[in-house]
Amino acid sequence: MIDHVSIAVRDLERATRFYEVVLAPLDYTLRETRAGTVAFGKRYSEFWINLRVDMPELPADNGTHIALRAPSIISVDMFHAAALGGGGTSDGAPGLRPQHGEGYYAAFIRDADGNRIEAVTFVGGKA
């Protein structure tokens, strides 16, 4: 249904290094590098980061939210740990979220620009 998503960042090199590590547990790799934009994906360019040097500071509750499917609980945990180790902040530690449905296991992080990214998998064959 959705082909790709993109987010704005103030420092493309910093964001590229961050997302290379953070997205690796979700089986995303760097797919393309162009002037002012970098793409990651599994088989094609699905997740883009775009340079916006004049982007204003975003409030902590800016509403930007992108959820990426993770292959396992371990990959959700690794995504969260990689984000924290790479300078991101936790916006929700890994764990079950029964309020979102049976077997919903997720972690939420924020990057240096305030973008909120979630990794989610489903426990017990639920989806």
Protein backbone atom coordinates (compact mmCIF):
# COMPACT_ATOMS: atom_id res chain seq x y z
CA MET A 1 0.00 0.00 0.00
CA ILE A 2 2.79 2.46 0.86
CA ASP A 3 5.79 2.49 -1.43
CA HIS A 4 8.16 4.65 0.63
CA VAL A 5 8.38 7.29 3.36
CA SER A 6 10.77 10.17 3.93
CA ILE A 7 11.81 12.28 6.88
CA ALA A 8 13.69 15.56 7.15
CA VAL A 9 17.06 15.85 8.90
CA ARG A 10 19.40 18.78 9.57
CA ASP A 11 22.67 16.87 9.17
CA LEU A 12 22.60 14.25 6.42
CA GLU A 13 25.97 12.66 7.28
CA ARG A 14 25.08 12.28 10.96
CA ALA A 15 21.62 10.92 10.14
CA THR A 16 23.04 8.49 7.58
CA ARG A 17 25.47 7.04 10.15
CA PHE A 18 22.66 6.84 12.73
CA TYR A 19 20.15 5.10 10.45
CA GLU A 20 22.73 2.68 9.00
CA VAL A 21 23.15 1.24 12.51
CA VAL A 22 19.57 1.63 13.73
CA LEU A 23 17.88 0.10 10.68
CA ALA A 24 20.31 -2.84 10.31
CA PRO A 25 18.43 -5.04 12.85
CA LEU A 26 15.31 -4.56 10.70
CA ASP A 27 17.21 -5.85 7.62
CA TYR A 28 17.39 -2.39 6.02
CA THR A 29 20.60 -1.41 4.21
CA LEU A 30 21.76 1.76 2.52
CA ARG A 31 20.36 1.58 -1.02
CA GLU A 32 20.98 5.01 -2.61
CA THR A 33 22.90 8.20 -1.99
CA ARG A 34 22.03 11.34 -3.93
CA ALA A 35 22.67 15.03 -3.40
CA GLY A 36 20.68 15.92 -0.30
CA THR A 37 19.03 12.54 0.20
CA VAL A 38 19.84 8.97 1.26
CA ALA A 39 17.64 5.88 1.03
CA PHE A 40 17.49 2.64 2.98
CA GLY A 41 15.47 -0.47 2.30
CA LYS A 42 15.20 -4.22 2.23
CA ARG A 43 14.89 -4.83 -1.52
CA TYR A 44 14.44 -1.26 -2.77
CA SER A 45 14.54 2.31 -1.42
CA GLU A 46 11.73 2.43 1.16
CA PHE A 47 12.95 4.84 3.86
CA TRP A 48 14.45 8.17 2.78
CA ILE A 49 16.20 10.85 4.80
CA ASN A 50 16.25 14.30 3.21
CA LEU A 51 18.53 17.20 4.11
CA ARG A 52 16.65 20.27 5.39
CA VAL A 53 19.30 22.54 6.93
CA ASP A 54 16.78 25.32 7.60
CA MET A 55 14.29 23.01 9.31
CA PRO A 56 12.97 24.59 12.51
CA GLU A 57 13.31 22.84 15.86
CA LEU A 58 10.48 20.38 16.28
CA PRO A 59 8.53 20.10 19.51
CA ALA A 60 8.89 16.79 21.34
CA ASP A 61 5.31 15.90 20.42
CA ASN A 62 5.58 16.84 16.73
CA GLY A 63 3.36 13.99 15.60
CA THR A 64 5.84 12.51 13.11
CA HIS A 65 5.59 8.75 13.50
CA ILE A 66 6.77 5.99 11.20
CA ALA A 67 6.42 2.31 12.12
CA LEU A 68 8.67 -0.25 10.46
CA ARG A 69 8.01 -4.00 10.60
CA ALA A 70 10.70 -5.95 12.41
CA PRO A 71 11.37 -9.65 11.78
CA SER A 72 11.54 -10.60 15.48
CA ILE A 73 11.48 -9.50 19.11
CA ILE A 74 15.27 -9.60 19.13
CA SER A 75 15.43 -7.22 16.18
CA VAL A 76 13.08 -4.78 17.96
CA ASP A 77 15.34 -4.91 21.03
CA MET A 78 18.46 -4.42 18.87
CA PHE A 79 16.85 -1.49 17.02
CA HIS A 80 16.14 0.26 20.32
CA ALA A 81 19.62 -0.43 21.73
CA ALA A 82 21.29 0.76 18.51
CA ALA A 83 19.31 4.00 18.58
CA LEU A 84 20.28 4.73 22.17
CA GLY A 85 23.91 3.85 21.48
CA GLY A 86 23.90 6.08 18.39
CA GLY A 87 22.62 9.23 20.06
CA GLY A 88 18.87 8.72 19.76
CA THR A 89 16.47 8.79 22.67
CA SER A 90 13.91 6.30 23.86
CA ASP A 91 10.28 7.18 23.30
CA GLY A 92 9.11 3.78 24.56
CA ALA A 93 11.24 0.82 25.61
CA PRO A 94 10.79 -2.54 23.87
CA GLY A 95 7.80 -4.48 25.10
CA LEU A 96 4.31 -5.77 24.51
CA ARG A 97 1.69 -3.12 23.80
CA PRO A 98 -1.66 -4.87 24.41
CA GLN A 99 -3.46 -1.56 23.88
CA HIS A 100 -2.43 -1.84 20.20
CA GLY A 101 -3.53 -5.45 19.77
CA GLU A 102 -2.71 -8.97 20.82
CA GLY A 103 0.96 -9.86 20.38
CA TYR A 104 1.99 -6.28 19.45
CA TYR A 105 5.66 -5.92 20.47
CA ALA A 106 7.32 -2.59 19.74
CA ALA A 107 9.95 -0.01 20.65
CA PHE A 108 9.91 3.71 19.90
CA ILE A 109 12.87 6.04 19.43
CA ARG A 110 13.51 9.64 18.44
CA ASP A 111 16.41 10.71 16.27
CA ALA A 112 18.42 13.92 16.76
CA ASP A 113 15.85 15.83 14.69
CA GLY A 114 12.84 14.69 16.70
CA ASN A 115 11.54 12.11 14.21
CA ARG A 116 9.73 9.27 16.01
CA ILE A 117 10.47 5.84 14.57
CA GLU A 118 8.92 2.59 15.78
CA ALA A 119 10.00 -0.99 15.21
CA VAL A 120 7.15 -3.50 15.59
CA THR A 121 6.69 -7.24 15.37
CA PHE A 122 3.89 -9.55 16.37
CA VAL A 123 4.30 -12.31 18.93
CA GLY A 124 2.48 -15.61 18.52
CA GLY A 125 1.64 -15.30 14.84
CA LYS A 126 -0.64 -12.29 15.35
CA ALA A 127 -0.57 -9.52 12.77
